[in-house]
All heavy atoms as atom14 arrays in JSON, in Angstrom:
{
  "sequence": "SIWAAPRAFEWDDPEAAANGRANLTAIVGQYNKDKKQGFLLGYERYG",
  "atom14_mask": [
    [1, 1, 1, 1, 1, 1, 0, 0, 0, 0, 0, 0, 0, 0],
    [1, 1, 1, 1, 1, 1, 1, 1, 0, 0, 0, 0, 0, 0],
    [1, 1, 1, 1, 1, 1, 1, 1, 1, 1, 1, 1, 1, 1],
    [1, 1, 1, 1, 1, 0, 0, 0, 0, 0, 0, 0, 0, 0],
    [1, 1, 1, 1, 1, 0, 0, 0, 0, 0, 0, 0, 0, 0],
    [1, 1, 1, 1, 1, 1, 1, 0, 0, 0, 0, 0, 0, 0],
    [1, 1, 1, 1, 1, 1, 1, 1, 1, 1, 1, 0, 0, 0],
    [1, 1, 1, 1, 1, 0, 0, 0, 0, 0, 0, 0, 0, 0],
    [1, 1, 1, 1, 1, 1, 1, 1, 1, 1, 1, 0, 0, 0],
    [1, 1, 1, 1, 1, 1, 1, 1, 1, 0, 0, 0, 0, 0],
    [1, 1, 1, 1, 1, 1, 1, 1, 1, 1, 1, 1, 1, 1],
    [1, 1, 1, 1, 1, 1, 1, 1, 0, 0, 0, 0, 0, 0],
    [1, 1, 1, 1, 1, 1, 1, 1, 0, 0, 0, 0, 0, 0],
    [1, 1, 1, 1, 1, 1, 1, 0, 0, 0, 0, 0, 0, 0],
    [1, 1, 1, 1, 1, 1, 1, 1, 1, 0, 0, 0, 0, 0],
    [1, 1, 1, 1, 1, 0, 0, 0, 0, 0, 0, 0, 0, 0],
    [1, 1, 1, 1, 1, 0, 0, 0, 0, 0, 0, 0, 0, 0],
    [1, 1, 1, 1, 1, 0, 0, 0, 0, 0, 0, 0, 0, 0],
    [1, 1, 1, 1, 1, 1, 1, 1, 0, 0, 0, 0, 0, 0],
    [1, 1, 1, 1, 0, 0, 0, 0, 0, 0, 0, 0, 0, 0],
    [1, 1, 1, 1, 1, 1, 1, 1, 1, 1, 1, 0, 0, 0],
    [1, 1, 1, 1, 1, 0, 0, 0, 0, 0, 0, 0, 0, 0],
    [1, 1, 1, 1, 1, 1, 1, 1, 0, 0, 0, 0, 0, 0],
    [1, 1, 1, 1, 1, 1, 1, 1, 0, 0, 0, 0, 0, 0],
    [1, 1, 1, 1, 1, 1, 1, 0, 0, 0, 0, 0, 0, 0],
    [1, 1, 1, 1, 1, 0, 0, 0, 0, 0, 0, 0, 0, 0],
    [1, 1, 1, 1, 1, 1, 1, 1, 0, 0, 0, 0, 0, 0],
    [1, 1, 1, 1, 1, 1, 1, 0, 0, 0, 0, 0, 0, 0],
    [1, 1, 1, 1, 0, 0, 0, 0, 0, 0, 0, 0, 0, 0],
    [1, 1, 1, 1, 1, 1, 1, 1, 1, 0, 0, 0, 0, 0],
    [1, 1, 1, 1, 1, 1, 1, 1, 1, 1, 1, 1, 0, 0],
    [1, 1, 1, 1, 1, 1, 1, 1, 0, 0, 0, 0, 0, 0],
    [1, 1, 1, 1, 1, 1, 1, 1, 1, 0, 0, 0, 0, 0],
    [1, 1, 1, 1, 1, 1, 1, 1, 0, 0, 0, 0, 0, 0],
    [1, 1, 1, 1, 1, 1, 1, 1, 1, 0, 0, 0, 0, 0],
    [1, 1, 1, 1, 1, 1, 1, 1, 1, 0, 0, 0, 0, 0],
    [1, 1, 1, 1, 1, 1, 1, 1, 1, 0, 0, 0, 0, 0],
    [1, 1, 1, 1, 0, 0, 0, 0, 0, 0, 0, 0, 0, 0],
    [1, 1, 1, 1, 1, 1, 1, 1, 1, 1, 1, 0, 0, 0],
    [1, 1, 1, 1, 1, 1, 1, 1, 0, 0, 0, 0, 0, 0],
    [1, 1, 1, 1, 1, 1, 1, 1, 0, 0, 0, 0, 0, 0],
    [1, 1, 1, 1, 0, 0, 0, 0, 0, 0, 0, 0, 0, 0],
    [1, 1, 1, 1, 1, 1, 1, 1, 1, 1, 1, 1, 0, 0],
    [1, 1, 1, 1, 1, 1, 1, 1, 1, 0, 0, 0, 0, 0],
    [1, 1, 1, 1, 1, 1, 1, 1, 1, 1, 1, 0, 0, 0],
    [1, 1, 1, 1, 1, 1, 1, 1, 1, 1, 1, 1, 0, 0],
    [1, 1, 1, 1, 0, 0, 0, 0, 0, 0, 0, 0, 0, 0]
  ],
  "atom14_positions": [
    [[33.81, 20.29, 4.59], [32.49, 19.99, 4.03], [32.67, 18.87, 3.01], [33.68, 18.81, 2.29], [31.85, 21.22, 3.37], [32.56, 21.62, 2.22], [0.0, 0.0, 0.0], [0.0, 0.0, 0.0], [0.0, 0.0, 0.0], [0.0, 0.0, 0.0], [0.0, 0.0, 0.0], [0.0, 0.0, 0.0], [0.0, 0.0, 0.0], [0.0, 0.0, 0.0]],
    [[31.69, 17.97, 2.95], [31.8, 16.78, 2.1], [30.42, 16.21, 1.83], [29.54, 16.22, 2.71], [32.7, 15.71, 2.79], [32.75, 14.39, 1.99], [32.22, 15.41, 4.19], [33.53, 14.44, 0.73], [0.0, 0.0, 0.0], [0.0, 0.0, 0.0], [0.0, 0.0, 0.0], [0.0, 0.0, 0.0], [0.0, 0.0, 0.0], [0.0, 0.0, 0.0]],
    [[30.21, 15.73, 0.62], [29.06, 14.89, 0.3], [29.54, 13.44, 0.39], [30.5, 13.05, -0.28], [28.55, 15.17, -1.1], [27.82, 16.46, -1.25], [28.35, 17.67, -1.62], [26.43, 16.69, -1.05], [27.38, 18.63, -1.65], [26.18, 18.06, -1.31], [25.35, 15.88, -0.68], [24.91, 18.62, -1.22], [24.09, 16.44, -0.59], [23.87, 17.79, -0.85]],
    [[28.87, 12.64, 1.22], [29.29, 11.25, 1.41], [28.07, 10.34, 1.43], [27.06, 10.65, 2.08], [30.06, 11.11, 2.72], [0.0, 0.0, 0.0], [0.0, 0.0, 0.0], [0.0, 0.0, 0.0], [0.0, 0.0, 0.0], [0.0, 0.0, 0.0], [0.0, 0.0, 0.0], [0.0, 0.0, 0.0], [0.0, 0.0, 0.0], [0.0, 0.0, 0.0]],
    [[28.17, 9.23, 0.73], [27.11, 8.22, 0.7], [27.71, 6.88, 1.09], [28.21, 6.14, 0.24], [26.47, 8.13, -0.68], [0.0, 0.0, 0.0], [0.0, 0.0, 0.0], [0.0, 0.0, 0.0], [0.0, 0.0, 0.0], [0.0, 0.0, 0.0], [0.0, 0.0, 0.0], [0.0, 0.0, 0.0], [0.0, 0.0, 0.0], [0.0, 0.0, 0.0]],
    [[27.72, 6.55, 2.39], [28.3, 5.26, 2.8], [27.46, 4.09, 2.29], [26.23, 4.16, 2.26], [28.25, 5.32, 4.34], [27.98, 6.74, 4.68], [27.23, 7.32, 3.52], [0.0, 0.0, 0.0], [0.0, 0.0, 0.0], [0.0, 0.0, 0.0], [0.0, 0.0, 0.0], [0.0, 0.0, 0.0], [0.0, 0.0, 0.0], [0.0, 0.0, 0.0]],
    [[28.15, 3.04, 1.91], [27.45, 1.83, 1.49], [27.19, 0.91, 2.68], [26.23, 0.15, 2.69], [28.28, 1.11, 0.43], [27.57, -0.08, -0.18], [28.26, -0.58, -1.44], [27.59, -1.78, -1.92], [28.2, -2.93, -2.14], [29.49, -3.05, -1.89], [27.52, -3.96, -2.58], [0.0, 0.0, 0.0], [0.0, 0.0, 0.0], [0.0, 0.0, 0.0]],
    [[28.07, 0.97, 3.66], [27.94, 0.08, 4.82], [28.67, 0.7, 6.0], [29.51, 1.59, 5.83], [28.52, -1.29, 4.5], [0.0, 0.0, 0.0], [0.0, 0.0, 0.0], [0.0, 0.0, 0.0], [0.0, 0.0, 0.0], [0.0, 0.0, 0.0], [0.0, 0.0, 0.0], [0.0, 0.0, 0.0], [0.0, 0.0, 0.0], [0.0, 0.0, 0.0]],
    [[28.36, 0.21, 7.19], [29.01, 0.68, 8.41], [29.71, -0.51, 9.08], [29.11, -1.58, 9.22], [27.99, 1.3, 9.36], [27.17, 2.38, 8.74], [25.79, 2.31, 8.68], [27.79, 3.49, 8.17], [25.03, 3.31, 8.1], [27.04, 4.5, 7.58], [25.67, 4.41, 7.54], [0.0, 0.0, 0.0], [0.0, 0.0, 0.0], [0.0, 0.0, 0.0]],
    [[30.94, -0.29, 9.5], [31.72, -1.37, 10.1], [31.27, -1.67, 11.52], [30.77, -0.81, 12.24], [33.21, -1.02, 10.08], [33.83, -1.04, 8.7], [35.35, -1.07, 8.76], [35.91, -2.06, 9.26], [35.95, -0.08, 8.31], [0.0, 0.0, 0.0], [0.0, 0.0, 0.0], [0.0, 0.0, 0.0], [0.0, 0.0, 0.0], [0.0, 0.0, 0.0]],
    [[31.53, -2.91, 11.91], [31.25, -3.33, 13.28], [32.23, -2.65, 14.22], [33.38, -2.37, 13.87], [31.41, -4.84, 13.39], [31.21, -5.36, 14.79], [30.03, -5.76, 15.35], [32.21, -5.51, 15.8], [30.24, -6.15, 16.65], [31.57, -6.01, 16.96], [33.58, -5.27, 15.85], [32.25, -6.28, 18.14], [34.26, -5.52, 17.03], [33.6, -6.03, 18.15]],
    [[31.78, -2.4, 15.46], [32.65, -1.94, 16.54], [32.06, -2.42, 17.85], [30.86, -2.73, 17.94], [32.79, -0.42, 16.53], [34.06, 0.05, 17.26], [34.74, -0.8, 17.88], [34.36, 1.25, 17.22], [0.0, 0.0, 0.0], [0.0, 0.0, 0.0], [0.0, 0.0, 0.0], [0.0, 0.0, 0.0], [0.0, 0.0, 0.0], [0.0, 0.0, 0.0]],
    [[32.88, -2.49, 18.88], [32.44, -2.87, 20.22], [31.26, -1.98, 20.63], [31.36, -0.76, 20.55], [33.63, -2.69, 21.17], [33.29, -2.97, 22.62], [32.12, -3.21, 22.93], [34.22, -2.93, 23.45], [0.0, 0.0, 0.0], [0.0, 0.0, 0.0], [0.0, 0.0, 0.0], [0.0, 0.0, 0.0], [0.0, 0.0, 0.0], [0.0, 0.0, 0.0]],
    [[30.14, -2.57, 21.1], [29.0, -1.74, 21.48], [29.31, -0.7, 22.56], [28.63, 0.33, 22.64], [27.99, -2.77, 21.99], [28.36, -4.04, 21.31], [29.85, -4.0, 21.16], [0.0, 0.0, 0.0], [0.0, 0.0, 0.0], [0.0, 0.0, 0.0], [0.0, 0.0, 0.0], [0.0, 0.0, 0.0], [0.0, 0.0, 0.0], [0.0, 0.0, 0.0]],
    [[30.33, -0.96, 23.37], [30.67, -0.02, 24.45], [31.84, 0.88, 24.08], [32.33, 1.63, 24.92], [31.01, -0.8, 25.72], [29.92, -1.77, 26.18], [28.62, -1.05, 26.48], [28.67, 0.09, 27.0], [27.54, -1.61, 26.19], [0.0, 0.0, 0.0], [0.0, 0.0, 0.0], [0.0, 0.0, 0.0], [0.0, 0.0, 0.0], [0.0, 0.0, 0.0]],
    [[32.32, 0.81, 22.85], [33.55, 1.5, 22.47], [33.44, 3.01, 22.61], [34.32, 3.67, 23.18], [33.95, 1.13, 21.04], [0.0, 0.0, 0.0], [0.0, 0.0, 0.0], [0.0, 0.0, 0.0], [0.0, 0.0, 0.0], [0.0, 0.0, 0.0], [0.0, 0.0, 0.0], [0.0, 0.0, 0.0], [0.0, 0.0, 0.0], [0.0, 0.0, 0.0]],
    [[32.36, 3.61, 22.1], [32.23, 5.06, 22.15], [32.14, 5.55, 23.59], [32.76, 6.56, 23.96], [30.99, 5.5, 21.36], [0.0, 0.0, 0.0], [0.0, 0.0, 0.0], [0.0, 0.0, 0.0], [0.0, 0.0, 0.0], [0.0, 0.0, 0.0], [0.0, 0.0, 0.0], [0.0, 0.0, 0.0], [0.0, 0.0, 0.0], [0.0, 0.0, 0.0]],
    [[31.36, 4.85, 24.42], [31.2, 5.26, 25.81], [32.51, 5.19, 26.58], [32.75, 5.97, 27.51], [30.14, 4.39, 26.49], [0.0, 0.0, 0.0], [0.0, 0.0, 0.0], [0.0, 0.0, 0.0], [0.0, 0.0, 0.0], [0.0, 0.0, 0.0], [0.0, 0.0, 0.0], [0.0, 0.0, 0.0], [0.0, 0.0, 0.0], [0.0, 0.0, 0.0]],
    [[33.38, 4.25, 26.19], [34.64, 4.07, 26.88], [35.82, 4.78, 26.19], [36.97, 4.59, 26.57], [34.97, 2.58, 27.02], [33.96, 1.86, 27.89], [33.42, 2.44, 28.84], [33.69, 0.59, 27.59], [0.0, 0.0, 0.0], [0.0, 0.0, 0.0], [0.0, 0.0, 0.0], [0.0, 0.0, 0.0], [0.0, 0.0, 0.0], [0.0, 0.0, 0.0]],
    [[35.54, 5.58, 25.16], [36.6, 6.3, 24.46], [37.48, 5.44, 23.59], [38.6, 5.83, 23.26], [0.0, 0.0, 0.0], [0.0, 0.0, 0.0], [0.0, 0.0, 0.0], [0.0, 0.0, 0.0], [0.0, 0.0, 0.0], [0.0, 0.0, 0.0], [0.0, 0.0, 0.0], [0.0, 0.0, 0.0], [0.0, 0.0, 0.0], [0.0, 0.0, 0.0]],
    [[36.99, 4.26, 23.19], [37.79, 3.35, 22.38], [37.24, 3.2, 20.96], [37.62, 2.28, 20.25], [37.85, 1.97, 23.02], [38.43, 1.92, 24.42], [38.71, 0.48, 24.84], [37.55, -0.37, 24.62], [36.61, -0.61, 25.53], [36.68, -0.05, 26.72], [35.6, -1.41, 25.25], [0.0, 0.0, 0.0], [0.0, 0.0, 0.0], [0.0, 0.0, 0.0]],
    [[36.37, 4.08, 20.56], [35.75, 3.94, 19.24], [36.8, 4.09, 18.14], [37.66, 4.97, 18.19], [34.66, 4.99, 19.05], [0.0, 0.0, 0.0], [0.0, 0.0, 0.0], [0.0, 0.0, 0.0], [0.0, 0.0, 0.0], [0.0, 0.0, 0.0], [0.0, 0.0, 0.0], [0.0, 0.0, 0.0], [0.0, 0.0, 0.0], [0.0, 0.0, 0.0]],
    [[36.72, 3.21, 17.15], [37.61, 3.28, 15.99], [36.79, 3.82, 14.81], [35.99, 3.08, 14.22], [38.16, 1.9, 15.65], [39.03, 1.36, 16.77], [39.89, 2.05, 17.29], [38.77, 0.12, 17.17], [0.0, 0.0, 0.0], [0.0, 0.0, 0.0], [0.0, 0.0, 0.0], [0.0, 0.0, 0.0], [0.0, 0.0, 0.0], [0.0, 0.0, 0.0]],
    [[36.96, 5.08, 14.51], [36.14, 5.7, 13.48], [36.53, 5.23, 12.08], [37.72, 5.11, 11.76], [36.27, 7.23, 13.52], [35.82, 7.95, 14.79], [35.92, 9.46, 14.57], [34.42, 7.55, 15.2], [0.0, 0.0, 0.0], [0.0, 0.0, 0.0], [0.0, 0.0, 0.0], [0.0, 0.0, 0.0], [0.0, 0.0, 0.0], [0.0, 0.0, 0.0]],
    [[35.52, 4.95, 11.27], [35.75, 4.82, 9.84], [35.99, 6.23, 9.31], [35.17, 7.12, 9.49], [34.53, 4.2, 9.15], [34.35, 2.87, 9.64], [34.72, 4.16, 7.64], [0.0, 0.0, 0.0], [0.0, 0.0, 0.0], [0.0, 0.0, 0.0], [0.0, 0.0, 0.0], [0.0, 0.0, 0.0], [0.0, 0.0, 0.0], [0.0, 0.0, 0.0]],
    [[37.13, 6.42, 8.67], [37.58, 7.77, 8.32], [36.97, 8.26, 7.01], [36.98, 7.55, 6.01], [39.09, 7.81, 8.22], [0.0, 0.0, 0.0], [0.0, 0.0, 0.0], [0.0, 0.0, 0.0], [0.0, 0.0, 0.0], [0.0, 0.0, 0.0], [0.0, 0.0, 0.0], [0.0, 0.0, 0.0], [0.0, 0.0, 0.0], [0.0, 0.0, 0.0]],
    [[36.45, 9.48, 7.05], [36.14, 10.21, 5.83], [37.38, 11.0, 5.42], [37.87, 10.86, 4.31], [34.92, 11.13, 6.04], [33.67, 10.31, 6.36], [34.69, 11.99, 4.8], [32.46, 11.13, 6.74], [0.0, 0.0, 0.0], [0.0, 0.0, 0.0], [0.0, 0.0, 0.0], [0.0, 0.0, 0.0], [0.0, 0.0, 0.0], [0.0, 0.0, 0.0]],
    [[37.89, 11.83, 6.33], [39.14, 12.55, 6.1], [39.76, 12.86, 7.46], [39.05, 13.12, 8.44], [38.89, 13.85, 5.28], [37.91, 14.77, 5.99], [40.19, 14.57, 4.99], [0.0, 0.0, 0.0], [0.0, 0.0, 0.0], [0.0, 0.0, 0.0], [0.0, 0.0, 0.0], [0.0, 0.0, 0.0], [0.0, 0.0, 0.0], [0.0, 0.0, 0.0]],
    [[41.07, 12.8, 7.54], [41.72, 13.09, 8.8], [43.22, 13.2, 8.68], [43.84, 12.72, 7.71], [0.0, 0.0, 0.0], [0.0, 0.0, 0.0], [0.0, 0.0, 0.0], [0.0, 0.0, 0.0], [0.0, 0.0, 0.0], [0.0, 0.0, 0.0], [0.0, 0.0, 0.0], [0.0, 0.0, 0.0], [0.0, 0.0, 0.0], [0.0, 0.0, 0.0]],
    [[43.81, 13.84, 9.68], [45.26, 13.95, 9.83], [45.48, 14.13, 11.32], [45.3, 15.23, 11.84], [45.8, 15.14, 9.04], [47.32, 15.32, 9.14], [47.79, 16.54, 8.37], [47.16, 17.6, 8.39], [48.92, 16.42, 7.68], [0.0, 0.0, 0.0], [0.0, 0.0, 0.0], [0.0, 0.0, 0.0], [0.0, 0.0, 0.0], [0.0, 0.0, 0.0]],
    [[45.83, 13.06, 12.03], [45.78, 13.16, 13.48], [46.75, 12.21, 14.17], [47.22, 11.22, 13.6], [44.35, 12.86, 13.96], [43.99, 11.39, 13.97], [43.98, 10.67, 15.15], [43.66, 10.71, 12.79], [43.64, 9.32, 15.18], [43.33, 9.37, 12.8], [43.31, 8.67, 14.01], [42.99, 7.34, 14.01], [0.0, 0.0, 0.0], [0.0, 0.0, 0.0]],
    [[47.03, 12.55, 15.42], [47.73, 11.67, 16.35], [47.02, 11.84, 17.7], [47.2, 12.83, 18.39], [49.21, 12.04, 16.47], [49.98, 11.06, 17.34], [49.51, 10.64, 18.4], [51.16, 10.69, 16.89], [0.0, 0.0, 0.0], [0.0, 0.0, 0.0], [0.0, 0.0, 0.0], [0.0, 0.0, 0.0], [0.0, 0.0, 0.0], [0.0, 0.0, 0.0]],
    [[46.16, 10.88, 18.03], [45.34, 11.01, 19.23], [46.19, 10.98, 20.49], [45.88, 11.66, 21.48], [44.29, 9.9, 19.27], [43.23, 10.09, 20.35], [42.17, 9.0, 20.33], [41.32, 9.06, 19.1], [40.16, 8.11, 19.17], [0.0, 0.0, 0.0], [0.0, 0.0, 0.0], [0.0, 0.0, 0.0], [0.0, 0.0, 0.0], [0.0, 0.0, 0.0]],
    [[47.27, 10.2, 20.5], [48.13, 10.12, 21.69], [48.74, 11.49, 22.02], [48.88, 11.85, 23.19], [49.23, 9.09, 21.49], [48.7, 7.67, 21.44], [47.59, 7.44, 21.97], [49.37, 6.8, 20.85], [0.0, 0.0, 0.0], [0.0, 0.0, 0.0], [0.0, 0.0, 0.0], [0.0, 0.0, 0.0], [0.0, 0.0, 0.0], [0.0, 0.0, 0.0]],
    [[49.08, 12.24, 20.97], [49.68, 13.56, 21.17], [48.63, 14.68, 21.15], [49.0, 15.85, 21.28], [50.73, 13.83, 20.09], [51.94, 12.9, 20.18], [52.97, 13.26, 19.12], [54.2, 12.35, 19.23], [55.22, 12.7, 18.18], [0.0, 0.0, 0.0], [0.0, 0.0, 0.0], [0.0, 0.0, 0.0], [0.0, 0.0, 0.0], [0.0, 0.0, 0.0]],
    [[47.36, 14.29, 20.97], [46.27, 15.27, 20.93], [46.5, 16.31, 19.83], [46.39, 17.52, 20.04], [46.1, 15.95, 22.29], [45.79, 14.98, 23.43], [45.64, 15.71, 24.74], [45.24, 14.79, 25.88], [46.27, 13.8, 26.19], [0.0, 0.0, 0.0], [0.0, 0.0, 0.0], [0.0, 0.0, 0.0], [0.0, 0.0, 0.0], [0.0, 0.0, 0.0]],
    [[46.78, 15.81, 18.63], [47.08, 16.67, 17.49], [46.18, 16.34, 16.31], [45.83, 15.18, 16.07], [48.54, 16.49, 17.06], [49.57, 16.89, 18.09], [50.98, 16.54, 17.65], [51.18, 15.67, 16.81], [51.96, 17.22, 18.23], [0.0, 0.0, 0.0], [0.0, 0.0, 0.0], [0.0, 0.0, 0.0], [0.0, 0.0, 0.0], [0.0, 0.0, 0.0]],
    [[45.82, 17.39, 15.56], [45.15, 17.19, 14.29], [43.65, 17.04, 14.4], [43.02, 17.47, 15.36], [0.0, 0.0, 0.0], [0.0, 0.0, 0.0], [0.0, 0.0, 0.0], [0.0, 0.0, 0.0], [0.0, 0.0, 0.0], [0.0, 0.0, 0.0], [0.0, 0.0, 0.0], [0.0, 0.0, 0.0], [0.0, 0.0, 0.0], [0.0, 0.0, 0.0]],
    [[43.06, 16.37, 13.4], [41.61, 16.23, 13.33], [41.25, 14.92, 12.64], [42.04, 14.36, 11.88], [40.99, 17.4, 12.56], [41.09, 17.24, 11.06], [40.02, 16.76, 10.31], [42.29, 17.52, 10.4], [40.13, 16.58, 8.94], [42.4, 17.35, 9.02], [41.31, 16.88, 8.29], [0.0, 0.0, 0.0], [0.0, 0.0, 0.0], [0.0, 0.0, 0.0]],
    [[40.04, 14.46, 12.88], [39.5, 13.28, 12.2], [37.99, 13.44, 12.08], [37.3, 13.69, 13.07], [39.83, 12.0, 12.97], [39.24, 10.7, 12.41], [39.78, 10.42, 11.01], [39.54, 9.53, 13.34], [0.0, 0.0, 0.0], [0.0, 0.0, 0.0], [0.0, 0.0, 0.0], [0.0, 0.0, 0.0], [0.0, 0.0, 0.0], [0.0, 0.0, 0.0]],
    [[37.48, 13.31, 10.86], [36.05, 13.28, 10.61], [35.68, 11.89, 10.13], [36.26, 11.39, 9.16], [35.66, 14.31, 9.55], [34.18, 14.33, 9.14], [33.29, 14.77, 10.3], [33.96, 15.25, 7.93], [0.0, 0.0, 0.0], [0.0, 0.0, 0.0], [0.0, 0.0, 0.0], [0.0, 0.0, 0.0], [0.0, 0.0, 0.0], [0.0, 0.0, 0.0]],
    [[34.75, 11.24, 10.83], [34.38, 9.89, 10.45], [33.13, 9.45, 11.19], [32.36, 10.26, 11.69], [0.0, 0.0, 0.0], [0.0, 0.0, 0.0], [0.0, 0.0, 0.0], [0.0, 0.0, 0.0], [0.0, 0.0, 0.0], [0.0, 0.0, 0.0], [0.0, 0.0, 0.0], [0.0, 0.0, 0.0], [0.0, 0.0, 0.0], [0.0, 0.0, 0.0]],
    [[32.93, 8.14, 11.26], [31.73, 7.61, 11.91], [32.03, 6.24, 12.5], [32.98, 5.55, 12.12], [30.56, 7.54, 10.93], [30.86, 6.83, 9.63], [30.73, 5.45, 9.5], [31.29, 7.56, 8.52], [31.01, 4.82, 8.31], [31.57, 6.94, 7.32], [31.43, 5.57, 7.21], [31.71, 4.94, 6.03], [0.0, 0.0, 0.0], [0.0, 0.0, 0.0]],
    [[31.17, 5.85, 13.44], [31.3, 4.56, 14.11], [30.17, 3.65, 13.63], [29.56, 3.9, 12.59], [31.24, 4.79, 15.63], [31.82, 3.65, 16.45], [31.09, 3.49, 17.77], [30.04, 4.13, 17.97], [31.55, 2.7, 18.6], [0.0, 0.0, 0.0], [0.0, 0.0, 0.0], [0.0, 0.0, 0.0], [0.0, 0.0, 0.0], [0.0, 0.0, 0.0]],
    [[29.85, 2.6, 14.4], [28.82, 1.64, 14.02], [27.49, 2.34, 13.75], [27.14, 3.32, 14.4], [28.65, 0.56, 15.09], [28.51, 1.11, 16.48], [28.76, 0.05, 17.56], [27.54, -0.65, 17.92], [27.43, -1.96, 17.9], [28.45, -2.72, 17.51], [26.31, -2.55, 18.26], [0.0, 0.0, 0.0], [0.0, 0.0, 0.0], [0.0, 0.0, 0.0]],
    [[26.78, 1.83, 12.75], [25.48, 2.35, 12.31], [25.57, 3.76, 11.71], [24.56, 4.41, 11.49], [24.46, 2.36, 13.44], [24.43, 1.09, 14.26], [24.51, 1.14, 15.64], [24.31, -0.15, 13.64], [24.5, -0.02, 16.4], [24.3, -1.32, 14.39], [24.39, -1.25, 15.77], [24.38, -2.41, 16.51], [0.0, 0.0, 0.0], [0.0, 0.0, 0.0]],
    [[26.78, 4.26, 11.47], [26.93, 5.58, 10.87], [26.86, 6.73, 11.83], [26.53, 7.85, 11.46], [0.0, 0.0, 0.0], [0.0, 0.0, 0.0], [0.0, 0.0, 0.0], [0.0, 0.0, 0.0], [0.0, 0.0, 0.0], [0.0, 0.0, 0.0], [0.0, 0.0, 0.0], [0.0, 0.0, 0.0], [0.0, 0.0, 0.0], [0.0, 0.0, 0.0]]
  ]
}
């Protein structure tokens, strides 16, 4: 759980999320996606 007030959202490829290539702006995380380990909470373009 977190209170977060983003000031801005970073650019990302418009097709990134649909193709599984989204690069999340991280709120908090500890992960290795290649090994399918851990977690990441964040957001993509437009929040």
